[in-house]
N, C-alpha and C. Protein backbone atom coordinates (compact mmCIF):
# COMPACT_ATOMS: atom_id res chain seq x y z
N MET A 1 34.82 16.75 -21.49
CA MET A 1 33.75 16.20 -22.29
C MET A 1 34.36 15.41 -23.45
N ALA A 2 33.83 14.23 -23.71
CA ALA A 2 34.34 13.37 -24.79
C ALA A 2 33.96 13.98 -26.14
N GLN A 3 34.91 13.84 -27.07
CA GLN A 3 34.66 14.35 -28.41
C GLN A 3 33.78 13.38 -29.18
N LYS A 4 32.90 13.94 -29.98
CA LYS A 4 32.06 13.12 -30.86
C LYS A 4 32.94 12.63 -32.01
N PRO A 5 32.86 11.31 -32.35
CA PRO A 5 33.69 10.79 -33.43
C PRO A 5 33.35 11.47 -34.76
N THR A 6 34.38 11.77 -35.52
CA THR A 6 34.18 12.38 -36.84
C THR A 6 33.79 11.29 -37.82
N PRO A 7 33.17 11.68 -38.94
CA PRO A 7 32.82 10.66 -39.95
C PRO A 7 34.04 9.87 -40.43
N ILE A 8 35.17 10.52 -40.56
CA ILE A 8 36.38 9.81 -41.01
C ILE A 8 36.82 8.82 -39.94
N ARG A 9 36.77 9.22 -38.70
CA ARG A 9 37.15 8.32 -37.60
C ARG A 9 36.21 7.12 -37.55
N GLU A 10 34.92 7.38 -37.70
CA GLU A 10 33.94 6.29 -37.71
C GLU A 10 34.18 5.35 -38.89
N GLN A 11 34.48 5.92 -40.05
CA GLN A 11 34.74 5.11 -41.24
C GLN A 11 35.98 4.25 -41.03
N THR A 12 37.03 4.83 -40.47
CA THR A 12 38.26 4.09 -40.19
C THR A 12 37.97 2.96 -39.20
N ARG A 13 37.21 3.27 -38.17
CA ARG A 13 36.85 2.25 -37.17
C ARG A 13 36.10 1.10 -37.84
N SER A 14 35.19 1.43 -38.74
CA SER A 14 34.41 0.41 -39.44
C SER A 14 35.31 -0.47 -40.31
N VAL A 15 36.26 0.13 -40.99
CA VAL A 15 37.18 -0.62 -41.85
C VAL A 15 38.04 -1.56 -41.00
N VAL A 16 38.58 -1.05 -39.90
CA VAL A 16 39.41 -1.87 -39.02
C VAL A 16 38.59 -3.02 -38.45
N ARG A 17 37.38 -2.73 -38.01
CA ARG A 17 36.49 -3.77 -37.48
C ARG A 17 36.26 -4.86 -38.51
N SER A 18 36.01 -4.45 -39.74
CA SER A 18 35.76 -5.40 -40.82
C SER A 18 36.99 -6.26 -41.09
N LEU A 19 38.16 -5.65 -41.11
CA LEU A 19 39.40 -6.41 -41.35
C LEU A 19 39.67 -7.40 -40.22
N LEU A 20 39.45 -6.98 -39.00
CA LEU A 20 39.65 -7.89 -37.86
C LEU A 20 38.67 -9.06 -37.94
N ALA A 21 37.43 -8.76 -38.27
CA ALA A 21 36.42 -9.83 -38.36
C ALA A 21 36.76 -10.80 -39.49
N ARG A 22 37.20 -10.30 -40.62
CA ARG A 22 37.57 -11.19 -41.73
C ARG A 22 38.76 -12.07 -41.37
N THR A 23 39.73 -11.50 -40.68
CA THR A 23 40.88 -12.29 -40.24
C THR A 23 40.41 -13.41 -39.32
N ALA A 24 39.52 -13.06 -38.39
CA ALA A 24 39.00 -14.05 -37.44
C ALA A 24 38.24 -15.15 -38.16
N ILE A 25 37.36 -14.78 -39.09
CA ILE A 25 36.55 -15.78 -39.81
C ILE A 25 37.47 -16.74 -40.56
N GLY A 26 38.53 -16.21 -41.18
CA GLY A 26 39.49 -17.08 -41.88
C GLY A 26 40.14 -18.08 -40.94
N LEU A 27 40.54 -17.61 -39.77
CA LEU A 27 41.14 -18.52 -38.78
C LEU A 27 40.13 -19.51 -38.24
N PHE A 28 38.91 -19.04 -37.95
CA PHE A 28 37.87 -19.93 -37.44
C PHE A 28 37.57 -21.03 -38.45
N ALA A 29 37.53 -20.65 -39.73
CA ALA A 29 37.26 -21.64 -40.78
C ALA A 29 38.40 -22.65 -40.90
N ALA A 30 39.64 -22.18 -40.76
CA ALA A 30 40.81 -23.06 -40.92
C ALA A 30 41.04 -23.96 -39.71
N LYS A 31 40.88 -23.40 -38.50
CA LYS A 31 41.23 -24.14 -37.28
C LYS A 31 40.02 -24.61 -36.48
N GLY A 32 38.87 -24.05 -36.79
CA GLY A 32 37.70 -24.32 -35.98
C GLY A 32 37.50 -23.19 -34.98
N TYR A 33 36.26 -22.85 -34.74
CA TYR A 33 35.95 -21.74 -33.84
C TYR A 33 36.49 -22.01 -32.43
N ASP A 34 36.20 -23.19 -31.90
CA ASP A 34 36.62 -23.50 -30.53
C ASP A 34 38.13 -23.65 -30.39
N ASN A 35 38.83 -23.97 -31.47
CA ASN A 35 40.28 -24.18 -31.41
C ASN A 35 41.10 -22.93 -31.70
N THR A 36 40.43 -21.81 -31.95
CA THR A 36 41.13 -20.56 -32.26
C THR A 36 41.04 -19.63 -31.07
N THR A 37 42.16 -19.11 -30.63
CA THR A 37 42.16 -18.18 -29.50
C THR A 37 42.14 -16.74 -30.00
N LEU A 38 41.73 -15.86 -29.13
CA LEU A 38 41.75 -14.44 -29.48
C LEU A 38 43.17 -13.94 -29.65
N ASP A 39 44.13 -14.52 -28.93
CA ASP A 39 45.54 -14.16 -29.11
C ASP A 39 45.99 -14.49 -30.53
N GLU A 40 45.54 -15.63 -31.06
CA GLU A 40 45.88 -16.01 -32.43
C GLU A 40 45.27 -15.06 -33.44
N VAL A 41 44.04 -14.65 -33.18
CA VAL A 41 43.38 -13.70 -34.08
C VAL A 41 44.13 -12.37 -34.07
N ALA A 42 44.46 -11.89 -32.88
CA ALA A 42 45.18 -10.62 -32.76
C ALA A 42 46.53 -10.70 -33.48
N ALA A 43 47.26 -11.80 -33.27
CA ALA A 43 48.56 -11.95 -33.93
C ALA A 43 48.43 -11.99 -35.45
N ALA A 44 47.44 -12.73 -35.95
CA ALA A 44 47.22 -12.82 -37.40
C ALA A 44 46.85 -11.46 -37.99
N ALA A 45 46.14 -10.65 -37.21
CA ALA A 45 45.72 -9.33 -37.69
C ALA A 45 46.79 -8.27 -37.47
N GLY A 46 47.84 -8.64 -36.72
CA GLY A 46 48.92 -7.68 -36.46
C GLY A 46 48.54 -6.61 -35.45
N VAL A 47 47.68 -6.97 -34.50
CA VAL A 47 47.28 -6.02 -33.45
C VAL A 47 47.44 -6.72 -32.10
N SER A 48 47.36 -5.94 -31.05
CA SER A 48 47.42 -6.52 -29.71
C SER A 48 46.04 -7.05 -29.32
N ARG A 49 46.03 -7.92 -28.33
CA ARG A 49 44.76 -8.44 -27.81
C ARG A 49 43.91 -7.28 -27.28
N ARG A 50 44.56 -6.31 -26.66
CA ARG A 50 43.86 -5.14 -26.13
C ARG A 50 43.16 -4.36 -27.25
N THR A 51 43.85 -4.21 -28.38
CA THR A 51 43.24 -3.52 -29.53
C THR A 51 42.02 -4.29 -30.00
N LEU A 52 42.14 -5.61 -30.04
CA LEU A 52 41.01 -6.45 -30.45
C LEU A 52 39.79 -6.17 -29.56
N PHE A 53 40.03 -6.04 -28.25
CA PHE A 53 38.94 -5.79 -27.31
C PHE A 53 38.41 -4.36 -27.39
N ASN A 54 39.13 -3.47 -28.05
CA ASN A 54 38.60 -2.12 -28.30
C ASN A 54 37.49 -2.16 -29.35
N TYR A 55 37.49 -3.23 -30.16
CA TYR A 55 36.53 -3.35 -31.25
C TYR A 55 35.44 -4.40 -30.99
N PHE A 56 35.75 -5.41 -30.19
CA PHE A 56 34.82 -6.52 -29.96
C PHE A 56 34.81 -6.89 -28.49
N ARG A 57 33.61 -7.24 -27.98
CA ARG A 57 33.47 -7.60 -26.56
C ARG A 57 34.09 -8.95 -26.24
N ASN A 58 33.93 -9.91 -27.19
CA ASN A 58 34.40 -11.27 -26.94
C ASN A 58 34.52 -12.00 -28.28
N LYS A 59 34.85 -13.26 -28.22
CA LYS A 59 35.05 -14.05 -29.45
C LYS A 59 33.76 -14.20 -30.24
N GLU A 60 32.66 -14.42 -29.57
CA GLU A 60 31.38 -14.56 -30.27
C GLU A 60 31.01 -13.26 -30.98
N ASP A 61 31.22 -12.14 -30.31
CA ASP A 61 30.95 -10.84 -30.92
C ASP A 61 31.79 -10.65 -32.18
N LEU A 62 33.02 -11.10 -32.12
CA LEU A 62 33.93 -11.03 -33.27
C LEU A 62 33.40 -11.87 -34.42
N ALA A 63 32.95 -13.08 -34.12
CA ALA A 63 32.47 -13.98 -35.17
C ALA A 63 31.15 -13.50 -35.79
N LEU A 64 30.31 -12.86 -34.99
CA LEU A 64 28.97 -12.49 -35.45
C LEU A 64 28.82 -11.02 -35.79
N SER A 65 29.90 -10.27 -35.74
CA SER A 65 29.83 -8.82 -35.90
C SER A 65 29.17 -8.37 -37.20
N GLY A 66 29.35 -9.11 -38.26
CA GLY A 66 28.78 -8.71 -39.54
C GLY A 66 27.27 -8.78 -39.59
N LEU A 67 26.66 -9.56 -38.70
CA LEU A 67 25.20 -9.73 -38.74
C LEU A 67 24.44 -8.46 -38.38
N ASP A 68 24.97 -7.67 -37.45
CA ASP A 68 24.32 -6.40 -37.12
C ASP A 68 24.33 -5.48 -38.34
N GLU A 69 25.48 -5.40 -38.96
CA GLU A 69 25.63 -4.56 -40.14
C GLU A 69 24.71 -5.04 -41.27
N GLN A 70 24.63 -6.35 -41.45
CA GLN A 70 23.76 -6.89 -42.50
C GLN A 70 22.30 -6.52 -42.24
N GLY A 71 21.87 -6.63 -40.99
CA GLY A 71 20.49 -6.28 -40.65
C GLY A 71 20.19 -4.82 -40.96
N GLU A 72 21.14 -3.95 -40.65
CA GLU A 72 20.96 -2.53 -40.92
C GLU A 72 20.93 -2.25 -42.42
N LEU A 73 21.77 -2.95 -43.18
CA LEU A 73 21.77 -2.78 -44.64
C LEU A 73 20.44 -3.24 -45.25
N ILE A 74 19.94 -4.37 -44.77
CA ILE A 74 18.65 -4.88 -45.26
C ILE A 74 17.53 -3.90 -44.92
N ALA A 75 17.52 -3.41 -43.69
CA ALA A 75 16.48 -2.45 -43.27
C ALA A 75 16.55 -1.18 -44.11
N ALA A 76 17.74 -0.69 -44.37
CA ALA A 76 17.89 0.52 -45.19
C ALA A 76 17.35 0.28 -46.60
N ARG A 77 17.65 -0.88 -47.16
CA ARG A 77 17.15 -1.20 -48.50
C ARG A 77 15.63 -1.36 -48.48
N LEU A 78 15.10 -1.95 -47.43
CA LEU A 78 13.65 -2.12 -47.31
C LEU A 78 12.97 -0.75 -47.24
N ALA A 79 13.57 0.18 -46.50
CA ALA A 79 13.01 1.52 -46.38
C ALA A 79 12.99 2.26 -47.72
N GLU A 80 13.91 1.91 -48.61
CA GLU A 80 14.00 2.56 -49.92
C GLU A 80 13.01 2.01 -50.95
N ARG A 81 12.42 0.86 -50.67
CA ARG A 81 11.52 0.23 -51.64
C ARG A 81 10.26 1.08 -51.84
N PRO A 82 9.64 1.01 -53.02
CA PRO A 82 8.42 1.80 -53.25
C PRO A 82 7.33 1.49 -52.22
N ALA A 83 6.67 2.53 -51.77
CA ALA A 83 5.69 2.40 -50.70
C ALA A 83 4.51 1.50 -51.07
N ASP A 84 4.20 1.42 -52.35
CA ASP A 84 3.05 0.61 -52.76
C ASP A 84 3.44 -0.83 -53.13
N GLU A 85 4.70 -1.18 -52.91
CA GLU A 85 5.15 -2.53 -53.24
C GLU A 85 4.68 -3.52 -52.18
N ASP A 86 4.25 -4.69 -52.62
CA ASP A 86 3.85 -5.77 -51.72
C ASP A 86 4.97 -6.06 -50.72
N ALA A 87 4.61 -6.34 -49.48
CA ALA A 87 5.60 -6.54 -48.42
C ALA A 87 6.57 -7.68 -48.73
N TRP A 88 6.07 -8.81 -49.26
CA TRP A 88 6.95 -9.94 -49.56
C TRP A 88 7.93 -9.59 -50.68
N THR A 89 7.46 -8.85 -51.68
CA THR A 89 8.33 -8.43 -52.78
C THR A 89 9.40 -7.48 -52.27
N ALA A 90 8.99 -6.55 -51.41
CA ALA A 90 9.93 -5.58 -50.84
C ALA A 90 10.99 -6.29 -49.98
N LEU A 91 10.57 -7.26 -49.19
CA LEU A 91 11.52 -8.01 -48.36
C LEU A 91 12.54 -8.76 -49.22
N ARG A 92 12.05 -9.42 -50.26
CA ARG A 92 12.97 -10.17 -51.12
C ARG A 92 13.98 -9.23 -51.77
N ALA A 93 13.51 -8.09 -52.24
CA ALA A 93 14.41 -7.11 -52.86
C ALA A 93 15.42 -6.58 -51.83
N ALA A 94 14.96 -6.37 -50.61
CA ALA A 94 15.86 -5.87 -49.56
C ALA A 94 16.93 -6.91 -49.21
N PHE A 95 16.54 -8.18 -49.16
CA PHE A 95 17.51 -9.24 -48.85
C PHE A 95 18.60 -9.34 -49.91
N GLN A 96 18.31 -8.87 -51.13
CA GLN A 96 19.31 -8.92 -52.21
C GLN A 96 20.58 -8.16 -51.84
N VAL A 97 20.50 -7.24 -50.89
CA VAL A 97 21.68 -6.49 -50.48
C VAL A 97 22.78 -7.44 -49.97
N LEU A 98 22.37 -8.61 -49.50
CA LEU A 98 23.36 -9.59 -49.02
C LEU A 98 24.27 -10.06 -50.14
N GLU A 99 23.76 -10.06 -51.37
CA GLU A 99 24.58 -10.45 -52.53
C GLU A 99 25.63 -9.39 -52.86
N GLU A 100 25.42 -8.18 -52.37
CA GLU A 100 26.32 -7.06 -52.68
C GLU A 100 27.44 -6.92 -51.67
N ILE A 101 27.37 -7.66 -50.57
CA ILE A 101 28.42 -7.58 -49.55
C ILE A 101 29.70 -8.14 -50.12
N ASP A 102 30.79 -7.45 -49.86
CA ASP A 102 32.08 -7.81 -50.42
C ASP A 102 32.62 -9.09 -49.75
N MET A 103 32.14 -10.23 -50.26
CA MET A 103 32.59 -11.52 -49.76
C MET A 103 32.46 -12.52 -50.91
N THR A 104 33.49 -13.31 -51.10
CA THR A 104 33.43 -14.31 -52.17
C THR A 104 32.43 -15.40 -51.79
N ALA A 105 32.00 -16.15 -52.79
CA ALA A 105 31.09 -17.27 -52.52
C ALA A 105 31.75 -18.27 -51.58
N GLU A 106 33.06 -18.49 -51.76
CA GLU A 106 33.78 -19.42 -50.88
C GLU A 106 33.82 -18.88 -49.45
N GLY A 107 34.07 -17.58 -49.31
CA GLY A 107 34.09 -16.95 -47.99
C GLY A 107 32.73 -17.03 -47.31
N ARG A 108 31.68 -16.80 -48.09
CA ARG A 108 30.31 -16.88 -47.55
C ARG A 108 30.00 -18.31 -47.11
N LEU A 109 30.42 -19.27 -47.92
CA LEU A 109 30.20 -20.68 -47.59
C LEU A 109 30.93 -21.04 -46.30
N GLU A 110 32.19 -20.60 -46.18
CA GLU A 110 32.96 -20.84 -44.95
C GLU A 110 32.26 -20.25 -43.74
N PHE A 111 31.81 -19.01 -43.89
CA PHE A 111 31.19 -18.32 -42.76
C PHE A 111 29.89 -18.99 -42.33
N ILE A 112 29.03 -19.31 -43.29
CA ILE A 112 27.74 -19.90 -42.93
C ILE A 112 27.92 -21.31 -42.39
N THR A 113 28.88 -22.05 -42.94
CA THR A 113 29.19 -23.38 -42.41
C THR A 113 29.65 -23.27 -40.96
N LEU A 114 30.52 -22.31 -40.70
CA LEU A 114 31.01 -22.07 -39.34
C LEU A 114 29.85 -21.70 -38.42
N LEU A 115 29.01 -20.81 -38.87
CA LEU A 115 27.89 -20.31 -38.08
C LEU A 115 26.95 -21.41 -37.65
N PHE A 116 26.54 -22.25 -38.60
CA PHE A 116 25.57 -23.29 -38.29
C PHE A 116 26.21 -24.54 -37.70
N GLY A 117 27.53 -24.61 -37.69
CA GLY A 117 28.21 -25.78 -37.17
C GLY A 117 28.62 -25.65 -35.71
N ASN A 118 28.33 -24.51 -35.08
CA ASN A 118 28.73 -24.28 -33.70
C ASN A 118 27.51 -23.83 -32.91
N ASP A 119 27.21 -24.52 -31.82
CA ASP A 119 26.00 -24.24 -31.05
C ASP A 119 25.94 -22.82 -30.51
N SER A 120 27.06 -22.31 -29.96
CA SER A 120 27.00 -20.96 -29.38
C SER A 120 26.86 -19.91 -30.47
N LEU A 121 27.50 -20.12 -31.63
CA LEU A 121 27.35 -19.17 -32.73
C LEU A 121 25.94 -19.23 -33.31
N ARG A 122 25.41 -20.42 -33.39
CA ARG A 122 24.05 -20.57 -33.90
C ARG A 122 23.05 -19.83 -33.00
N ALA A 123 23.25 -19.95 -31.69
CA ALA A 123 22.38 -19.24 -30.74
C ALA A 123 22.57 -17.73 -30.86
N GLY A 124 23.81 -17.30 -30.99
CA GLY A 124 24.08 -15.87 -31.17
C GLY A 124 23.48 -15.34 -32.46
N HIS A 125 23.52 -16.17 -33.50
CA HIS A 125 22.93 -15.82 -34.79
C HIS A 125 21.42 -15.62 -34.64
N ALA A 126 20.77 -16.51 -33.92
CA ALA A 126 19.33 -16.40 -33.70
C ALA A 126 18.99 -15.12 -32.94
N GLU A 127 19.82 -14.76 -31.98
CA GLU A 127 19.61 -13.54 -31.21
C GLU A 127 19.75 -12.30 -32.10
N LYS A 128 20.76 -12.30 -32.96
CA LYS A 128 20.96 -11.17 -33.87
C LYS A 128 19.78 -11.07 -34.83
N GLN A 129 19.29 -12.20 -35.31
CA GLN A 129 18.18 -12.16 -36.25
C GLN A 129 16.88 -11.73 -35.58
N ALA A 130 16.76 -11.95 -34.28
CA ALA A 130 15.59 -11.43 -33.55
C ALA A 130 15.63 -9.90 -33.58
N ARG A 131 16.82 -9.33 -33.55
CA ARG A 131 16.95 -7.87 -33.66
C ARG A 131 16.58 -7.41 -35.07
N TRP A 132 16.88 -8.26 -36.06
CA TRP A 132 16.46 -7.92 -37.43
C TRP A 132 14.95 -7.76 -37.48
N GLN A 133 14.24 -8.64 -36.80
CA GLN A 133 12.78 -8.58 -36.79
C GLN A 133 12.32 -7.21 -36.28
N ASP A 134 12.98 -6.71 -35.23
CA ASP A 134 12.63 -5.40 -34.69
C ASP A 134 12.91 -4.28 -35.70
N LEU A 135 13.92 -4.46 -36.53
CA LEU A 135 14.23 -3.47 -37.56
C LEU A 135 13.24 -3.51 -38.72
N PHE A 136 12.86 -4.72 -39.13
CA PHE A 136 12.05 -4.88 -40.34
C PHE A 136 10.56 -4.63 -40.12
N ALA A 137 10.03 -5.07 -38.98
CA ALA A 137 8.57 -5.01 -38.76
C ALA A 137 7.98 -3.61 -38.95
N PRO A 138 8.61 -2.56 -38.40
CA PRO A 138 8.02 -1.22 -38.60
C PRO A 138 8.04 -0.77 -40.06
N LEU A 139 8.93 -1.35 -40.85
CA LEU A 139 9.00 -1.01 -42.27
C LEU A 139 8.00 -1.81 -43.10
N ILE A 140 7.59 -2.95 -42.57
CA ILE A 140 6.60 -3.80 -43.25
C ILE A 140 5.18 -3.30 -42.94
N GLU A 141 4.97 -2.87 -41.71
CA GLU A 141 3.62 -2.53 -41.24
C GLU A 141 2.87 -1.57 -42.16
N PRO A 142 3.48 -0.47 -42.63
CA PRO A 142 2.73 0.45 -43.50
C PRO A 142 2.31 -0.16 -44.84
N ARG A 143 2.91 -1.28 -45.20
CA ARG A 143 2.58 -1.94 -46.46
C ARG A 143 1.37 -2.86 -46.34
N LEU A 144 0.89 -3.06 -45.13
CA LEU A 144 -0.22 -3.98 -44.88
C LEU A 144 -1.54 -3.23 -44.78
N PRO A 145 -2.65 -3.91 -45.08
CA PRO A 145 -3.95 -3.26 -44.93
C PRO A 145 -4.17 -2.81 -43.49
N ASP A 146 -4.83 -1.68 -43.35
CA ASP A 146 -5.09 -1.13 -42.02
C ASP A 146 -5.93 -2.12 -41.21
N SER A 147 -5.46 -2.39 -39.99
CA SER A 147 -6.13 -3.35 -39.13
C SER A 147 -5.60 -3.16 -37.72
N ASP A 148 -6.37 -3.57 -36.72
CA ASP A 148 -5.90 -3.47 -35.35
C ASP A 148 -4.84 -4.54 -35.04
N ARG A 149 -4.60 -5.44 -35.99
CA ARG A 149 -3.59 -6.49 -35.81
C ARG A 149 -2.43 -6.34 -36.78
N ARG A 150 -2.33 -5.20 -37.40
CA ARG A 150 -1.30 -4.97 -38.41
C ARG A 150 0.11 -5.08 -37.82
N THR A 151 0.33 -4.62 -36.61
CA THR A 151 1.66 -4.71 -35.98
C THR A 151 2.05 -6.18 -35.80
N LEU A 152 1.11 -6.98 -35.32
CA LEU A 152 1.36 -8.42 -35.16
C LEU A 152 1.66 -9.05 -36.52
N GLN A 153 0.87 -8.71 -37.52
CA GLN A 153 1.09 -9.27 -38.86
C GLN A 153 2.47 -8.90 -39.39
N ALA A 154 2.88 -7.66 -39.19
CA ALA A 154 4.19 -7.21 -39.67
C ALA A 154 5.31 -7.97 -38.97
N ARG A 155 5.18 -8.15 -37.66
CA ARG A 155 6.21 -8.90 -36.91
C ARG A 155 6.27 -10.35 -37.37
N ALA A 156 5.09 -10.94 -37.61
CA ALA A 156 5.05 -12.33 -38.07
C ALA A 156 5.68 -12.46 -39.46
N MET A 157 5.41 -11.51 -40.34
CA MET A 157 6.00 -11.55 -41.68
C MET A 157 7.51 -11.37 -41.62
N ALA A 158 7.97 -10.46 -40.79
CA ALA A 158 9.42 -10.25 -40.65
C ALA A 158 10.08 -11.53 -40.14
N ALA A 159 9.49 -12.14 -39.11
CA ALA A 159 10.05 -13.37 -38.55
C ALA A 159 10.04 -14.49 -39.58
N ALA A 160 8.94 -14.63 -40.32
CA ALA A 160 8.84 -15.69 -41.32
C ALA A 160 9.86 -15.49 -42.44
N ALA A 161 10.03 -14.26 -42.88
CA ALA A 161 11.01 -13.99 -43.95
C ALA A 161 12.43 -14.30 -43.48
N ILE A 162 12.74 -13.96 -42.24
CA ILE A 162 14.07 -14.23 -41.69
C ILE A 162 14.30 -15.74 -41.59
N ILE A 163 13.31 -16.48 -41.13
CA ILE A 163 13.43 -17.93 -41.03
C ILE A 163 13.58 -18.55 -42.42
N CYS A 164 12.85 -18.03 -43.40
CA CYS A 164 13.00 -18.53 -44.78
C CYS A 164 14.42 -18.28 -45.28
N LEU A 165 14.98 -17.12 -44.96
CA LEU A 165 16.36 -16.83 -45.36
C LEU A 165 17.33 -17.79 -44.67
N GLN A 166 17.10 -18.05 -43.39
CA GLN A 166 17.97 -18.99 -42.67
C GLN A 166 17.87 -20.39 -43.26
N ALA A 167 16.66 -20.85 -43.53
CA ALA A 167 16.47 -22.18 -44.13
C ALA A 167 17.16 -22.25 -45.48
N ALA A 168 17.05 -21.19 -46.27
CA ALA A 168 17.70 -21.15 -47.58
C ALA A 168 19.22 -21.20 -47.42
N ASN A 169 19.76 -20.48 -46.45
CA ASN A 169 21.20 -20.50 -46.20
C ASN A 169 21.67 -21.90 -45.80
N GLU A 170 20.91 -22.55 -44.93
CA GLU A 170 21.29 -23.90 -44.50
C GLU A 170 21.28 -24.87 -45.68
N GLU A 171 20.27 -24.76 -46.53
CA GLU A 171 20.20 -25.64 -47.71
C GLU A 171 21.32 -25.30 -48.69
N TRP A 172 21.62 -24.03 -48.82
CA TRP A 172 22.71 -23.58 -49.71
C TRP A 172 24.04 -24.19 -49.26
N VAL A 173 24.28 -24.21 -47.95
CA VAL A 173 25.50 -24.83 -47.41
C VAL A 173 25.47 -26.33 -47.68
N ARG A 174 24.33 -26.96 -47.42
CA ARG A 174 24.22 -28.41 -47.64
C ARG A 174 24.54 -28.77 -49.09
N LEU A 175 24.18 -27.90 -50.01
CA LEU A 175 24.43 -28.13 -51.44
C LEU A 175 25.77 -27.57 -51.89
N GLY A 176 26.60 -27.18 -50.92
CA GLY A 176 27.96 -26.72 -51.24
C GLY A 176 28.01 -25.40 -51.97
N GLY A 177 26.98 -24.58 -51.84
CA GLY A 177 26.97 -23.28 -52.48
C GLY A 177 26.83 -23.34 -53.99
N GLN A 178 26.38 -24.47 -54.49
CA GLN A 178 26.31 -24.69 -55.95
C GLN A 178 25.00 -24.27 -56.59
N VAL A 179 24.10 -23.67 -55.82
CA VAL A 179 22.81 -23.23 -56.35
C VAL A 179 22.61 -21.77 -55.97
N ASP A 180 21.62 -21.15 -56.58
CA ASP A 180 21.33 -19.76 -56.27
C ASP A 180 20.59 -19.66 -54.93
N LEU A 181 21.16 -18.90 -54.01
CA LEU A 181 20.58 -18.74 -52.67
C LEU A 181 19.15 -18.21 -52.74
N PHE A 182 18.90 -17.27 -53.64
CA PHE A 182 17.58 -16.67 -53.67
C PHE A 182 16.53 -17.54 -54.35
N ASP A 183 16.96 -18.50 -55.15
CA ASP A 183 16.01 -19.51 -55.63
C ASP A 183 15.54 -20.35 -54.44
N LEU A 184 16.48 -20.67 -53.56
CA LEU A 184 16.13 -21.43 -52.35
C LEU A 184 15.22 -20.60 -51.44
N TYR A 185 15.54 -19.33 -51.30
CA TYR A 185 14.69 -18.44 -50.49
C TYR A 185 13.28 -18.39 -51.05
N ASP A 186 13.16 -18.24 -52.37
CA ASP A 186 11.84 -18.19 -53.01
C ASP A 186 11.06 -19.48 -52.74
N THR A 187 11.74 -20.62 -52.80
CA THR A 187 11.10 -21.91 -52.54
C THR A 187 10.58 -21.96 -51.10
N ALA A 188 11.39 -21.47 -50.15
CA ALA A 188 10.99 -21.46 -48.75
C ALA A 188 9.78 -20.55 -48.54
N VAL A 189 9.79 -19.38 -49.15
CA VAL A 189 8.67 -18.45 -49.00
C VAL A 189 7.40 -19.03 -49.62
N GLN A 190 7.53 -19.65 -50.78
CA GLN A 190 6.37 -20.26 -51.43
C GLN A 190 5.74 -21.33 -50.53
N ALA A 191 6.58 -22.06 -49.79
CA ALA A 191 6.07 -23.12 -48.91
C ALA A 191 5.20 -22.54 -47.81
N ILE A 192 5.54 -21.39 -47.27
CA ILE A 192 4.73 -20.84 -46.17
C ILE A 192 3.58 -19.97 -46.68
N ARG A 193 3.66 -19.52 -47.90
CA ARG A 193 2.58 -18.68 -48.45
C ARG A 193 1.55 -19.48 -49.23
N ARG A 194 1.80 -20.75 -49.42
CA ARG A 194 0.88 -21.59 -50.20
C ARG A 194 -0.48 -21.65 -49.52
N PRO A 195 -1.56 -21.41 -50.29
CA PRO A 195 -2.90 -21.48 -49.70
C PRO A 195 -3.21 -22.91 -49.24
N THR A 196 -3.94 -23.05 -48.16
CA THR A 196 -4.29 -24.38 -47.66
C THR A 196 -5.64 -24.82 -48.20
């Protein structure tokens, strides 16, 4: 029978995964995603290609690995928000966890530029964010007025908030990271919430 991983083993695995992903992102930013091989990533990280595959399924998984973790962090923060808080306010506060991730503004700019500059990564990013919707909607639903369409409304709000965050990130990259990301997010949200 296989042993259940201990918390220390899981923590070590998480740290190694994070270091491998950061090494890869640095190489992808310097050489281009398509021009960087997994052998180069493994060599730069000081591990074998086989070790790399113990942590990641493929190159795209390596490049996008942080998005799953980010979605879980946002969902956890959303779950912690006061139950009587407006859903949009709670979502914005939960997204703030992205500012707490240990990454420099330059590193974030490199990563987002890489992400939106490559078609396969952009598609993978959209797929990961669809999973975010599944995480967020059940946490939004209890904040909405009781209705037979509350589940639909929660899913629509989660999707809209995610798209607003993506639009803000794209604009942030276009402006070279020289503005506050959440000011851009607020502008995007105001555009879709404006009464007609």
